[in-house]
């Protein structure tokens, strides 16, 4: 093992410890404001790591299969970091509010999970009984998971743990994650989500994936359009955004079909396979959405 890889492993383990301790503090009902404040310095270290070239290098090594398979590296999950940083900020803010104070606005909304039905798909909350179908169709596929920066899951136990985490962050209003069910087969063929919901600025960011056997059938476009409707009709967002890498031509086609407006590209945002690639941003505003077709939300 090279010295460089050893350094990377040490760094990932250190950051993973911070991630796990942060989640432990957030999940404990007895955690005090003083405990959160005392740990804030560690959260800042983790946030700095996530925005650095080091995280991109570690992510690229992980994608290339150069890290030990038994190394815990949830810290390389974009969803995991977003989850921790947003929850930590919101938890600290909640301590500072007076007990009788209420929000002046209710957007994004917190309606609980609702099902979204399209012509061929049903978008609903993930369930433990979906684990086998998820593994069969997409979540154990490195090619599918790697397209949006997530690791593969190869055991039912690991998938169920992930579903529990998704359910928690959705319940807390930080995400809205749906299983994509093909109505004709009942199979879970992918996921479509608001992996980021910004309650203060009233926007959400979409991600999706569809299993390889079900690609090329328009399912990604159908699911994304349904999510857009959910964001504006149920969550009462002002803006829905989505991103992709310039090389991801299939996602760019989905984005164009769904009527997003191109906003710009963050240059050299990702480091993958030994080279840098930008991150393209697209969005739809609520006034633009309301002039178009609305999906059926039940």
Protein backbone atom coordinates (compact mmCIF):
# COMPACT_ATOMS: atom_id res chain seq x y z
CA UNK A 1 0.00 0.00 0.00
CA UNK A 2 1.45 3.38 -1.02
CA UNK A 3 2.10 6.16 1.46
CA UNK A 4 -0.48 8.28 -0.37
CA UNK A 5 -3.21 5.67 0.09
CA UNK A 6 -2.31 5.27 3.75
CA UNK A 7 -2.66 9.04 4.19
CA UNK A 8 -6.04 9.00 2.47
CA UNK A 9 -7.30 6.13 4.65
CA UNK A 10 -6.19 7.96 7.81
CA UNK A 11 -7.94 11.13 6.63
CA UNK A 12 -11.18 9.31 5.77
CA UNK A 13 -11.22 7.56 9.14
CA UNK A 14 -10.73 10.86 10.95
CA UNK A 15 -13.53 12.55 9.02
CA UNK A 16 -15.77 9.49 9.43
CA UNK A 17 -15.35 9.76 13.21
CA UNK A 18 -16.52 13.38 13.08
CA UNK A 19 -19.48 12.45 10.88
CA UNK A 20 -20.57 9.62 13.16
CA UNK A 21 -20.16 11.67 16.34
CA UNK A 22 -22.11 14.54 14.80
CA UNK A 23 -24.96 12.23 13.83
CA UNK A 24 -24.88 10.70 17.31
CA UNK A 25 -25.30 14.14 18.88
CA UNK A 26 -28.13 15.04 16.51
CA UNK A 27 -29.98 11.77 17.03
CA UNK A 28 -29.80 11.88 20.82
CA UNK A 29 -32.87 13.53 22.44
CA UNK A 30 -30.74 14.61 25.41
CA UNK A 31 -28.08 16.55 23.48
CA UNK A 32 -27.78 20.10 24.81
CA UNK A 33 -26.98 23.33 23.01
CA UNK A 34 -23.67 23.45 24.90
CA UNK A 35 -22.67 20.02 23.55
CA UNK A 36 -23.50 21.05 19.99
CA UNK A 37 -21.58 24.30 20.34
CA UNK A 38 -18.57 22.45 21.77
CA UNK A 39 -18.53 20.14 18.74
CA UNK A 40 -18.97 22.96 16.23
CA UNK A 41 -15.22 23.18 15.60
CA UNK A 42 -15.18 19.59 14.41
CA UNK A 43 -18.15 20.25 12.13
CA UNK A 44 -16.21 23.16 10.62
CA UNK A 45 -13.28 20.80 9.96
CA UNK A 46 -15.63 18.37 8.20
CA UNK A 47 -17.24 21.14 6.15
CA UNK A 48 -13.82 22.43 5.08
CA UNK A 49 -12.81 18.90 4.05
CA UNK A 50 -15.96 18.46 1.97
CA UNK A 51 -15.25 21.67 0.05
CA UNK A 52 -11.59 20.84 -0.56
CA UNK A 53 -9.62 19.10 -3.28
CA UNK A 54 -8.82 16.36 -0.73
CA UNK A 55 -12.46 15.18 -0.65
CA UNK A 56 -12.54 15.05 -4.44
CA UNK A 57 -9.31 13.06 -4.48
CA UNK A 58 -10.62 10.61 -1.88
CA UNK A 59 -13.89 10.26 -3.79
CA UNK A 60 -12.01 9.55 -7.03
CA UNK A 61 -9.86 6.89 -5.36
CA UNK A 62 -12.99 5.28 -3.95
CA UNK A 63 -14.67 5.27 -7.37
CA UNK A 64 -11.54 3.73 -8.89
CA UNK A 65 -11.68 0.90 -6.35
CA UNK A 66 -8.32 1.76 -4.81
CA UNK A 67 -9.55 1.88 -1.21
CA UNK A 68 -10.04 -1.19 1.03
CA UNK A 69 -13.58 -2.56 0.67
CA UNK A 70 -14.02 -2.76 4.44
CA UNK A 71 -13.17 0.92 4.99
CA UNK A 72 -16.17 2.87 6.28
CA UNK A 73 -16.52 5.93 4.09
CA UNK A 74 -19.98 7.39 4.51
CA UNK A 75 -18.17 10.70 4.63
CA UNK A 76 -17.68 10.39 0.86
CA UNK A 77 -21.46 10.46 0.34
CA UNK A 78 -22.68 13.89 -0.74
CA UNK A 79 -26.09 13.12 0.78
CA UNK A 80 -24.53 12.22 4.12
CA UNK A 81 -22.58 15.46 4.35
CA UNK A 82 -25.52 17.62 3.24
CA UNK A 83 -27.68 15.86 5.81
CA UNK A 84 -25.28 16.46 8.69
CA UNK A 85 -24.44 20.09 7.90
CA UNK A 86 -28.07 21.13 7.35
CA UNK A 87 -29.36 19.32 10.42
CA UNK A 88 -26.60 20.72 12.60
CA UNK A 89 -27.35 24.26 11.50
CA UNK A 90 -31.08 23.83 12.03
CA UNK A 91 -30.60 22.24 15.46
CA UNK A 92 -28.48 25.15 16.66
CA UNK A 93 -30.99 27.63 15.26
CA UNK A 94 -33.84 25.86 17.07
CA UNK A 95 -32.11 26.36 20.42
CA UNK A 96 -31.84 30.09 19.81
CA UNK A 97 -35.57 30.58 19.16
CA UNK A 98 -37.99 31.53 21.90
CA UNK A 99 -40.30 28.67 22.80
CA UNK A 100 -43.39 30.62 21.63
CA UNK A 101 -41.90 31.85 18.39
CA UNK A 102 -43.30 30.48 15.14
CA UNK A 103 -42.12 30.71 11.57
CA UNK A 104 -43.65 33.49 9.53
CA UNK A 105 -43.94 31.22 6.51
CA UNK A 106 -44.74 27.57 5.98
CA UNK A 107 -42.57 27.01 2.94
CA UNK A 108 -41.15 24.62 2.07
CA UNK A 109 -44.15 22.72 3.34
CA UNK A 110 -43.92 19.72 5.65
CA UNK A 111 -46.87 17.63 4.50
CA UNK A 112 -45.41 14.22 5.24
CA UNK A 113 -44.77 11.87 2.37
CA UNK A 114 -47.45 11.76 -0.29
CA UNK A 115 -47.56 9.44 -3.24
CA UNK A 116 -47.15 10.74 -6.76
CA UNK A 117 -48.65 8.75 -9.61
CA UNK A 118 -47.83 9.16 -13.30
CA UNK A 119 -48.89 7.18 -16.33
CA UNK A 120 -46.38 4.37 -15.74
CA UNK A 121 -44.84 5.07 -12.36
CA UNK A 122 -45.67 5.35 -8.68
CA UNK A 123 -43.40 7.48 -6.52
CA UNK A 124 -43.76 6.65 -2.84
CA UNK A 125 -41.75 6.30 0.37
CA UNK A 126 -39.15 3.53 0.38
CA UNK A 127 -39.96 0.46 2.47
CA UNK A 128 -37.87 -2.34 3.90
CA UNK A 129 -39.70 -4.79 1.66
CA UNK A 130 -38.28 -2.89 -1.33
CA UNK A 131 -34.71 -3.90 -0.42
CA UNK A 132 -34.49 -6.99 -2.64
CA UNK A 133 -36.01 -5.19 -5.61
CA UNK A 134 -33.67 -2.23 -5.10
CA UNK A 135 -30.63 -4.54 -5.03
CA UNK A 136 -31.87 -6.45 -8.04
CA UNK A 137 -32.41 -3.37 -10.17
CA UNK A 138 -30.09 -0.52 -9.20
CA UNK A 139 -28.69 0.07 -5.72
CA UNK A 140 -26.04 -2.67 -5.96
CA UNK A 141 -24.90 -1.49 -9.40
CA UNK A 142 -21.63 0.50 -9.24
CA UNK A 143 -22.33 2.14 -12.60
CA UNK A 144 -25.75 3.43 -11.53
CA UNK A 145 -24.74 4.54 -8.05
CA UNK A 146 -21.51 6.14 -9.21
CA UNK A 147 -23.35 8.45 -11.59
CA UNK A 148 -24.62 10.50 -8.67
CA UNK A 149 -21.78 9.94 -6.22
CA UNK A 150 -23.20 7.18 -4.04
CA UNK A 151 -21.70 3.84 -3.00
CA UNK A 152 -23.27 0.51 -3.91
CA UNK A 153 -25.19 -1.53 -1.32
CA UNK A 154 -24.97 -5.31 -1.52
CA UNK A 155 -26.82 -6.61 1.55
CA UNK A 156 -30.43 -6.26 2.63
CA UNK A 157 -29.28 -5.07 6.05
CA UNK A 158 -27.28 -2.21 4.53
CA UNK A 159 -30.16 -1.22 2.25
CA UNK A 160 -32.64 -1.23 5.14
CA UNK A 161 -30.30 0.96 7.21
CA UNK A 162 -30.13 3.38 4.29
CA UNK A 163 -33.94 3.39 3.97
CA UNK A 164 -34.20 4.19 7.69
CA UNK A 165 -31.83 7.15 7.26
CA UNK A 166 -33.78 8.37 4.23
CA UNK A 167 -37.03 8.08 6.18
CA UNK A 168 -35.58 10.11 9.06
CA UNK A 169 -34.28 12.97 6.93
CA UNK A 170 -37.55 13.06 4.98
CA UNK A 171 -39.55 13.13 8.21
CA UNK A 172 -37.42 16.03 9.45
CA UNK A 173 -38.10 17.95 6.24
CA UNK A 174 -34.47 17.99 5.04
CA UNK A 175 -35.12 15.70 2.07
CA UNK A 176 -38.00 14.10 0.20
CA UNK A 177 -36.98 10.69 -1.11
CA UNK A 178 -39.14 8.44 -3.26
CA UNK A 179 -38.87 4.90 -4.50
CA UNK A 180 -39.65 4.80 -8.23
CA UNK A 181 -42.03 1.88 -8.77
CA UNK A 182 -42.85 0.57 -12.24
CA UNK A 183 -46.61 0.03 -12.03
CA UNK A 184 -46.70 -2.77 -14.59
CA UNK A 185 -44.18 -4.95 -12.72
CA UNK A 186 -44.28 -3.62 -9.16
CA UNK A 187 -40.48 -3.41 -9.25
CA UNK A 188 -38.51 -0.63 -7.59
CA UNK A 189 -36.50 0.54 -10.60
CA UNK A 190 -34.75 3.55 -9.05
CA UNK A 191 -35.11 6.55 -6.80
CA UNK A 192 -36.08 10.18 -7.32
CA UNK A 193 -35.50 12.71 -4.60
CA UNK A 194 -35.15 16.19 -3.30
CA UNK A 195 -31.84 15.37 -1.64
CA UNK A 196 -31.57 18.97 -0.45
CA UNK A 197 -34.39 21.18 0.84
CA UNK A 198 -33.48 24.71 1.93
CA UNK A 199 -36.28 25.90 4.20
CA UNK A 200 -34.87 29.40 4.59
CA UNK A 201 -34.52 30.15 0.89
CA UNK A 202 -37.41 28.01 -0.39
CA UNK A 203 -35.62 25.85 -2.93
CA UNK A 204 -34.94 22.17 -3.44
CA UNK A 205 -32.44 20.23 -5.51
CA UNK A 206 -33.37 17.06 -7.39
CA UNK A 207 -31.42 13.89 -8.04
CA UNK A 208 -32.53 10.60 -9.55
CA UNK A 209 -31.29 7.26 -10.78
CA UNK A 210 -32.87 4.51 -12.86
CA UNK A 211 -31.61 0.93 -13.12
CA UNK A 212 -29.80 0.05 -16.34
CA UNK A 213 -32.42 -2.46 -17.47
CA UNK A 214 -35.05 0.30 -17.35
CA UNK A 215 -33.10 3.11 -18.98
CA UNK A 216 -33.99 4.48 -22.40
CA UNK A 217 -37.74 4.27 -21.73
CA UNK A 218 -38.36 7.82 -20.57
CA UNK A 219 -38.76 6.84 -16.91
CA UNK A 220 -36.20 9.37 -15.66
CA UNK A 221 -38.03 12.20 -17.42
CA UNK A 222 -41.40 10.99 -16.12
CA UNK A 223 -40.13 10.76 -12.55
CA UNK A 224 -38.38 14.13 -12.69
CA UNK A 225 -41.49 15.89 -13.97
CA UNK A 226 -43.43 14.34 -11.11
CA UNK A 227 -40.86 15.61 -8.60
CA UNK A 228 -41.05 19.11 -10.04
CA UNK A 229 -44.81 19.11 -9.52
CA UNK A 230 -44.39 17.80 -5.98
CA UNK A 231 -41.90 20.55 -5.19
CA UNK A 232 -44.14 23.38 -6.30
CA UNK A 233 -47.57 21.98 -5.43
CA UNK A 234 -46.89 20.21 -2.13
CA UNK A 235 -43.65 21.60 -0.75
CA UNK A 236 -44.52 25.13 -1.96
CA UNK A 237 -41.01 25.81 -3.21
CA UNK A 238 -40.04 28.97 -5.04
CA UNK A 239 -37.28 27.26 -7.02
CA UNK A 240 -36.41 23.72 -8.08
CA UNK A 241 -32.88 23.08 -9.27
CA UNK A 242 -30.92 20.17 -10.67
CA UNK A 243 -27.26 19.62 -11.57
CA UNK A 244 -25.25 17.32 -13.78
CA UNK A 245 -21.76 16.85 -15.15
CA UNK A 246 -21.22 17.99 -18.77
CA UNK A 247 -20.27 14.44 -19.77
CA UNK A 248 -23.56 13.03 -18.49
CA UNK A 249 -25.42 13.46 -21.75
CA UNK A 250 -28.42 11.33 -20.75
CA UNK A 251 -29.10 13.51 -17.69
CA UNK A 252 -28.71 16.66 -19.78
CA UNK A 253 -31.40 15.35 -22.14
CA UNK A 254 -33.74 14.65 -19.22
CA UNK A 255 -33.13 18.14 -17.85
CA UNK A 256 -33.86 19.75 -21.21
CA UNK A 257 -37.07 17.73 -21.68
CA UNK A 258 -38.30 18.86 -18.26
CA UNK A 259 -37.99 22.55 -19.13
CA UNK A 260 -35.16 23.63 -16.82
CA UNK A 261 -33.23 26.83 -17.53
CA UNK A 262 -29.45 26.64 -17.62
CA UNK A 263 -27.88 28.91 -14.99
CA UNK A 264 -24.15 28.25 -15.26
CA UNK A 265 -21.31 25.86 -14.55
CA UNK A 266 -19.02 25.63 -11.57
CA UNK A 267 -15.69 24.89 -13.19
CA UNK A 268 -13.57 21.87 -12.19
CA UNK A 269 -16.00 20.93 -9.44
CA UNK A 270 -15.52 17.15 -9.60
CA UNK A 271 -12.27 15.18 -9.77
CA UNK A 272 -12.98 11.77 -11.23
CA UNK A 273 -10.90 9.28 -13.11
CA UNK A 274 -7.85 11.50 -12.95
CA UNK A 275 -9.43 14.61 -14.46
CA UNK A 276 -11.63 17.54 -13.43
CA UNK A 277 -15.16 18.19 -14.59
CA UNK A 278 -17.62 21.00 -14.00
CA UNK A 279 -21.01 21.00 -12.35
CA UNK A 280 -23.83 22.40 -14.49
CA UNK A 281 -26.77 24.08 -12.72
CA UNK A 282 -30.34 24.30 -14.06
CA UNK A 283 -33.54 25.56 -12.43
CA UNK A 284 -37.26 26.25 -12.72
CA UNK A 285 -39.00 29.08 -10.81
CA UNK A 286 -42.52 28.75 -9.45
CA UNK A 287 -44.01 31.28 -11.88
CA UNK A 288 -42.48 29.32 -14.77
CA UNK A 289 -43.87 26.05 -13.44
CA UNK A 290 -47.40 27.35 -12.98
CA UNK A 291 -47.63 28.18 -16.65
CA UNK A 292 -47.09 24.50 -17.52
CA UNK A 293 -48.62 21.09 -16.87
CA UNK A 294 -49.08 19.89 -13.27
CA UNK A 295 -48.64 16.30 -12.20
CA UNK A 296 -51.29 14.42 -10.22
CA UNK A 297 -50.34 14.27 -6.55
CA UNK A 298 -52.47 12.17 -4.18
